[in-house]
Protein backbone atom coordinates (compact mmCIF):
# COMPACT_ATOMS: atom_id res chain seq x y z
CA MET A 1 0.00 0.00 0.00
CA ASP A 2 1.23 3.51 -0.86
CA SER A 3 2.73 5.24 2.20
CA ASN A 4 0.56 8.32 1.71
CA ILE A 5 -2.62 6.22 1.60
CA LYS A 6 -1.47 4.28 4.66
CA LYS A 7 -0.98 7.55 6.59
CA LEU A 8 -4.41 8.80 5.45
CA ASN A 9 -5.98 5.53 6.63
CA GLU A 10 -4.37 5.86 10.05
CA ASP A 11 -5.59 9.43 10.48
CA ALA A 12 -9.04 8.55 9.10
CA LYS A 13 -9.44 5.83 11.76
CA LYS A 14 -8.73 8.37 14.51
CA TYR A 15 -11.37 10.77 13.19
CA SER A 16 -13.77 7.87 12.62
CA GLU A 17 -13.51 6.95 16.30
CA LYS A 18 -14.39 10.51 17.32
CA LEU A 19 -17.36 10.61 14.95
CA GLN A 20 -18.55 7.25 16.27
CA LYS A 21 -18.53 8.71 19.79
CA VAL A 22 -20.71 11.59 18.57
CA SER A 23 -23.02 9.08 16.90
CA ASP A 24 -23.26 7.07 20.13
CA GLU A 25 -24.26 10.19 22.06
CA ILE A 26 -26.97 11.04 19.52
CA LYS A 27 -28.29 7.47 19.71
CA LYS A 28 -28.86 7.93 23.44
CA VAL A 29 -31.81 10.11 22.41
CA ILE A 30 -32.68 9.23 18.80
CA VAL A 31 -34.14 5.78 18.16
CA GLY A 32 -33.12 4.12 14.89
CA GLN A 33 -32.41 6.41 11.91
CA GLU A 34 -28.77 5.21 11.78
CA ASP A 35 -28.27 6.20 8.13
CA ILE A 36 -29.71 9.65 8.78
CA ILE A 37 -27.46 10.18 11.80
CA ASP A 38 -24.47 9.17 9.66
CA LYS A 39 -25.48 11.57 6.90
CA VAL A 40 -25.85 14.49 9.31
CA LEU A 41 -22.35 13.71 10.56
CA LEU A 42 -21.16 13.75 6.94
CA CYS A 43 -22.49 17.31 6.70
CA VAL A 44 -20.51 18.29 9.79
CA SER A 45 -17.37 16.66 8.33
CA ALA A 46 -17.72 18.12 4.82
CA GLU A 47 -18.86 21.67 5.77
CA GLY A 48 -22.20 21.05 4.08
CA HIS A 49 -25.73 22.13 4.96
CA ALA A 50 -28.70 19.75 5.04
CA LEU A 51 -32.43 19.99 4.38
CA LEU A 52 -34.30 17.46 6.51
CA GLU A 53 -37.71 16.52 5.12
CA GLY A 54 -40.32 14.38 6.80
CA VAL A 55 -43.83 14.33 8.24
CA PRO A 56 -44.35 15.70 11.76
CA GLY A 57 -43.13 13.67 14.72
CA LEU A 58 -40.13 11.92 13.17
CA ALA A 59 -37.59 13.65 15.48
CA LYS A 60 -36.06 15.99 12.88
CA THR A 61 -35.79 18.87 15.36
CA MET A 62 -34.72 16.57 18.19
CA LEU A 63 -31.92 15.14 16.03
CA VAL A 64 -30.48 18.60 15.33
CA LYS A 65 -30.77 19.63 18.98
CA THR A 66 -29.09 16.41 20.13
CA LEU A 67 -26.29 16.91 17.57
CA SER A 68 -25.67 20.38 18.97
CA ASP A 69 -25.63 18.95 22.51
CA SER A 70 -22.85 16.53 21.48
CA LEU A 71 -20.70 19.34 20.04
CA ASN A 72 -19.25 22.12 22.15
CA THR A 73 -20.53 24.79 19.76
CA THR A 74 -23.07 27.61 19.81
CA PHE A 75 -26.59 26.70 18.67
CA HIS A 76 -29.56 28.83 17.64
CA ARG A 77 -33.02 27.67 16.62
CA ILE A 78 -34.95 29.94 14.25
CA GLN A 79 -38.66 29.24 13.91
CA PHE A 80 -39.61 30.22 10.36
CA THR A 81 -43.08 31.79 10.13
CA PRO A 82 -44.94 33.79 7.43
CA ASP A 83 -44.41 37.10 9.27
CA LEU A 84 -40.65 36.64 9.67
CA LEU A 85 -38.43 39.36 8.16
CA PRO A 86 -34.83 39.05 6.88
CA ALA A 87 -33.63 41.41 9.64
CA ASP A 88 -35.09 39.01 12.21
CA ILE A 89 -32.48 36.40 11.31
CA VAL A 90 -29.43 38.32 10.03
CA GLY A 91 -29.68 41.37 12.30
CA THR A 92 -30.12 45.10 11.81
CA LYS A 93 -28.81 48.57 12.67
CA ILE A 94 -30.29 50.27 15.74
CA TYR A 95 -30.00 54.01 16.42
CA ASP A 96 -28.50 54.93 19.81
CA ASN A 97 -30.10 58.20 20.99
CA HIS A 98 -27.42 58.85 23.61
CA LYS A 99 -24.43 58.39 21.30
CA GLY A 100 -26.10 59.62 18.13
CA THR A 101 -24.80 56.64 16.16
CA PHE A 102 -26.08 53.38 14.76
CA ALA A 103 -25.11 50.13 16.46
CA THR A 104 -25.25 46.70 14.87
CA LYS A 105 -27.50 44.13 16.50
CA LYS A 106 -26.56 40.69 15.20
CA GLY A 107 -29.33 38.19 14.53
CA PRO A 108 -29.60 34.52 15.52
CA LEU A 109 -27.80 33.46 12.33
CA PHE A 110 -24.56 34.23 14.16
CA ALA A 111 -23.95 30.78 15.63
CA ASN A 112 -22.08 27.58 14.74
CA ILE A 113 -25.15 25.40 14.25
CA ILE A 114 -28.42 26.84 12.98
CA LEU A 115 -31.72 24.98 13.09
CA ALA A 116 -33.99 26.59 10.47
CA ASP A 117 -37.20 24.96 11.67
CA GLU A 118 -39.96 24.61 9.05
CA ILE A 119 -38.00 26.76 6.62
CA ASN A 120 -40.71 26.63 3.94
CA ARG A 121 -43.16 28.55 6.15
CA ALA A 122 -41.26 31.81 5.59
CA PRO A 123 -41.58 33.81 2.34
CA PRO A 124 -38.80 33.63 -0.30
CA LYS A 125 -37.19 36.94 0.72
CA VAL A 126 -36.53 35.49 4.18
CA GLN A 127 -35.25 32.19 2.78
CA SER A 128 -32.95 34.16 0.49
CA ALA A 129 -31.45 35.92 3.50
CA LEU A 130 -29.64 32.65 4.19
CA LEU A 131 -27.89 32.52 0.79
CA GLU A 132 -24.85 34.65 1.63
CA ALA A 133 -24.33 32.95 4.98
CA MET A 134 -24.57 29.43 3.54
CA GLN A 135 -22.24 30.07 0.60
CA GLU A 136 -19.77 32.75 1.67
CA LYS A 137 -19.89 32.17 5.46
CA GLN A 138 -20.54 35.87 5.96
CA ILE A 139 -23.47 38.23 6.57
CA THR A 140 -23.98 41.77 5.28
CA ILE A 141 -26.01 44.14 7.49
CA SER A 142 -26.72 47.62 6.06
CA GLY A 143 -23.53 47.57 4.00
CA ASP A 144 -21.27 46.16 6.71
CA THR A 145 -19.99 42.61 6.21
CA PHE A 146 -19.33 40.27 9.14
CA GLU A 147 -17.48 36.96 8.95
CA LEU A 148 -19.27 34.05 10.58
CA GLU A 149 -17.49 32.03 13.23
CA LEU A 150 -16.49 28.57 11.98
CA PRO A 151 -17.67 25.88 11.91
CA PHE A 152 -20.99 27.03 10.43
CA LEU A 153 -23.76 24.57 9.64
CA VAL A 154 -27.41 25.12 8.64
CA LEU A 155 -29.82 22.26 9.22
CA ALA A 156 -33.28 23.10 7.92
CA THR A 157 -36.48 21.11 8.36
CA GLN A 158 -39.63 21.03 6.30
CA ASN A 159 -42.91 19.12 6.20
CA PRO A 160 -43.69 17.70 2.71
CA ILE A 161 -47.42 17.08 3.22
CA GLU A 162 -48.63 20.58 4.09
CA THR A 163 -48.99 23.23 1.40
CA GLU A 164 -51.22 25.79 3.12
CA GLY A 165 -49.16 28.63 4.54
CA THR A 166 -45.92 27.38 2.97
CA TYR A 167 -43.62 28.67 0.23
CA ARG A 168 -41.59 26.53 -2.13
CA LEU A 169 -37.87 26.98 -1.62
CA PRO A 170 -36.16 28.80 -4.53
CA GLU A 171 -33.86 26.63 -6.64
CA ALA A 172 -30.89 28.81 -5.67
CA GLN A 173 -31.67 28.12 -2.03
CA LEU A 174 -32.04 24.36 -2.54
CA ASP A 175 -28.73 24.21 -4.40
CA ARG A 176 -26.92 25.57 -1.31
CA PHE A 177 -27.80 22.41 0.61
CA MET A 178 -25.30 19.58 0.32
CA PHE A 179 -27.98 17.02 1.22
CA LYS A 180 -31.72 16.70 1.11
CA ILE A 181 -32.36 13.92 3.64
CA LEU A 182 -35.72 12.14 3.73
CA PHE A 183 -37.04 10.84 7.04
CA ASP A 184 -39.21 7.73 7.10
CA TYR A 185 -41.43 6.16 9.75
CA PRO A 186 -39.75 3.95 12.40
CA ASP A 187 -40.19 0.19 12.12
CA ILE A 188 -42.06 -1.96 14.65
CA ALA A 189 -39.02 -2.64 16.85
CA ASP A 190 -38.01 1.05 17.00
CA SER A 191 -41.64 2.07 17.63
CA LYS A 192 -41.72 -0.09 20.77
CA ILE A 193 -38.51 1.54 22.03
CA ILE A 194 -39.98 5.00 21.37
CA ILE A 195 -43.07 4.11 23.43
CA GLU A 196 -40.92 2.82 26.29
CA ARG A 197 -38.68 5.90 26.32
CA MET A 198 -41.30 8.59 25.87
CA THR A 199 -43.94 7.24 28.26
CA ASN A 200 -41.56 6.58 31.17
CA PRO A 201 -39.01 8.70 33.05
CA PHE A 202 -36.16 9.18 30.59
CA ASP A 203 -33.49 11.88 30.79
CA PRO A 204 -30.29 10.88 28.96
CA LYS A 205 -27.20 13.01 29.48
CA VAL A 206 -25.50 13.80 26.18
CA LYS A 207 -21.78 14.49 26.48
CA LYS A 208 -19.98 17.10 24.40
CA ILE A 209 -17.48 15.19 22.27
CA LEU A 210 -15.99 17.62 19.74
CA GLU A 211 -14.69 21.16 20.18
CA PRO A 212 -14.96 23.73 17.34
CA LYS A 213 -11.21 23.47 16.75
CA GLU A 214 -11.48 19.68 16.35
CA ILE A 215 -14.37 20.03 13.89
CA ILE A 216 -12.35 22.45 11.76
CA GLU A 217 -9.38 20.06 11.81
CA LEU A 218 -11.71 17.23 10.75
CA GLN A 219 -13.08 19.32 7.88
CA LYS A 220 -9.57 20.13 6.69
CA PHE A 221 -8.59 16.46 6.82
CA VAL A 222 -11.64 15.37 4.82
CA LYS A 223 -10.41 17.51 1.91
CA THR A 224 -7.13 15.55 1.85
CA VAL A 225 -8.81 12.15 1.37
CA TYR A 226 -7.61 10.45 -1.83
CA VAL A 227 -9.93 10.23 -4.85
CA ASP A 228 -8.81 8.19 -7.86
CA ASP A 229 -9.33 9.56 -11.38
CA LYS A 230 -11.73 6.68 -12.09
CA ILE A 231 -13.97 7.85 -9.24
CA THR A 232 -13.84 11.42 -10.56
CA ASP A 233 -14.83 10.20 -14.03
CA TYR A 234 -17.68 8.18 -12.51
CA VAL A 235 -19.05 11.22 -10.64
CA THR A 236 -18.75 13.38 -13.76
CA LYS A 237 -20.77 10.86 -15.78
CA LEU A 238 -23.46 10.55 -13.09
CA VAL A 239 -24.04 14.29 -13.07
CA ASP A 240 -23.77 14.64 -16.85
CA ALA A 241 -26.39 11.91 -17.24
CA THR A 242 -28.91 14.21 -15.54
CA ARG A 243 -28.23 16.82 -18.25
CA ASN A 244 -27.57 14.70 -21.33
CA PRO A 245 -29.26 11.34 -20.68
CA LYS A 246 -29.29 10.33 -24.37
CA THR A 247 -25.47 10.22 -24.33
CA TYR A 248 -25.76 7.31 -21.92
CA LYS A 249 -28.72 5.66 -23.70
CA LEU A 250 -31.14 6.76 -21.01
CA GLU A 251 -34.65 7.56 -22.25
CA ILE A 252 -35.44 10.05 -19.49
CA LYS A 253 -34.91 13.41 -21.20
CA HIS A 254 -38.67 14.07 -21.22
CA LEU A 255 -38.75 13.62 -17.44
CA ILE A 256 -36.11 16.27 -16.64
CA ASP A 257 -36.42 20.01 -17.20
CA PHE A 258 -33.01 20.85 -15.71
CA GLY A 259 -30.19 18.56 -14.65
CA ALA A 260 -27.91 18.82 -11.62
CA SER A 261 -25.77 21.92 -11.13
CA PRO A 262 -21.95 22.00 -10.83
CA ARG A 263 -22.38 21.97 -7.04
CA ALA A 264 -23.57 18.37 -7.43
CA LEU A 265 -20.07 17.44 -8.64
CA ILE A 266 -18.45 19.12 -5.66
CA TRP A 267 -20.79 17.68 -3.03
CA LEU A 268 -20.73 14.15 -4.43
CA ILE A 269 -16.96 14.10 -4.00
CA MET A 270 -16.93 15.91 -0.64
CA ALA A 271 -19.72 13.77 0.81
CA ALA A 272 -17.99 10.62 -0.43
CA LYS A 273 -14.73 11.76 1.18
CA ALA A 274 -16.55 12.38 4.46
CA ASN A 275 -18.15 8.94 4.27
CA ALA A 276 -14.76 7.37 3.70
CA VAL A 277 -13.47 9.05 6.88
CA LEU A 278 -16.57 7.99 8.83
CA ASN A 279 -15.71 4.41 7.83
CA GLY A 280 -12.04 4.79 8.74
CA ARG A 281 -10.63 5.05 5.22
CA GLY A 282 -8.35 7.64 3.67
CA TYR A 283 -9.57 6.95 0.14
CA VAL A 284 -12.92 6.97 -1.68
CA ILE A 285 -14.54 3.85 -3.17
CA PRO A 286 -17.57 3.67 -5.51
CA GLU A 287 -19.82 2.58 -2.61
CA ASP A 288 -19.17 5.97 -0.96
CA ILE A 289 -20.57 7.72 -4.03
CA LYS A 290 -23.62 5.46 -4.16
CA PHE A 291 -24.31 5.98 -0.45
CA VAL A 292 -24.63 9.76 -0.88
CA ALA A 293 -25.88 10.01 -4.49
CA HIS A 294 -29.60 10.28 -3.75
CA ASP A 295 -29.16 12.85 -0.97
CA VAL A 296 -26.91 15.04 -3.16
CA LEU A 297 -28.92 14.79 -6.39
CA ARG A 298 -32.61 14.50 -5.46
CA HIS A 299 -33.13 18.25 -4.93
CA ARG A 300 -30.94 19.26 -7.86
CA ILE A 301 -32.92 17.49 -10.58
CA LEU A 302 -35.86 19.63 -11.70
CA LEU A 303 -38.60 17.30 -12.89
CA SER A 304 -40.80 18.01 -15.90
CA TYR A 305 -44.57 18.31 -15.69
CA GLU A 306 -44.78 14.93 -17.43
CA ALA A 307 -42.72 13.24 -14.71
CA GLU A 308 -44.85 14.78 -11.96
CA ALA A 309 -48.03 13.75 -13.77
CA GLU A 310 -46.77 10.17 -14.01
CA GLY A 311 -45.69 10.15 -10.37
CA ILE A 312 -42.02 9.64 -11.22
CA THR A 313 -39.69 10.97 -8.52
CA SER A 314 -36.15 12.27 -8.76
CA ASP A 315 -35.06 9.27 -6.67
CA ALA A 316 -36.44 6.92 -9.34
CA ILE A 317 -34.45 8.81 -12.00
CA ILE A 318 -31.29 8.59 -9.87
CA ASP A 319 -31.84 4.83 -9.56
CA MET A 320 -31.99 4.56 -13.38
CA ILE A 321 -28.77 6.56 -13.74
CA LEU A 322 -26.89 4.56 -11.10
CA GLU A 323 -27.98 1.33 -12.78
CA LYS A 324 -26.91 2.52 -16.24
CA ILE A 325 -23.57 4.17 -15.51
CA LYS A 326 -20.85 1.54 -15.13
CA THR A 327 -19.26 1.40 -11.69
CA PRO A 328 -15.43 1.74 -11.79
């Protein structure tokens, strides 16, 4: 084995052990949802934001809160409502009568971990107030720009079954999210555990595992994980197949209005690198790409009216692409 890869593997195992400890703390509170917990940890590792979608009561908010409890970072929850204004989340200038000057009052967006709860209940102008923070890690208030303290992570939740009083997220907003993670109902075994925990005295103590400095070091290490050219070619073809399906003999052009953006390329690789580290490896394998492909691509493929009319989802299209494109 190449000495560089061997060193990466050794370091990856150390970070994997730390991430496993965080996972164990989260599992003290959250029942089941192992894949979802892993994927949220991938977001922490890869500096990516996540949109968590699921019906009410599936512990989306509790998962984010428990994650913040396991990290020694600042945490703010923002409840998105129809009457929310951009200044309510980014901050504003306030006039000081005594000094005769304006002072900056920073909003709740100034924190390491942000829970944007029910993000689709706020109008587009409020959702758009997150764009600069999510991409540039900075916030502009009345012409003054402020750098956000790192690490910075936005975890937003939304309910897919309610349409009254909600606003569809703009495509530019969706594209800022590394993942769109879908929550599903717990199985029978997990349901029994939920009943036992929530109907009896239960007060788990979640320990703080990672410091901000350690998270930043982890994020820097993830970028060094080795990716072979064959993996890069594979990712390029997967994304290109959403734009030019006929090139790959896929008869799905009529189902797609717009294919995945260039950010899909970046996040497929970064998420795969983070998954490699989570599994104690310093190099990416095709299974890493497949593990994150749906979460990276599902919100970046804009379906045609015909696809929606036929009930075809973006996940179904991703399945077709993964089946067609040869694995390296």
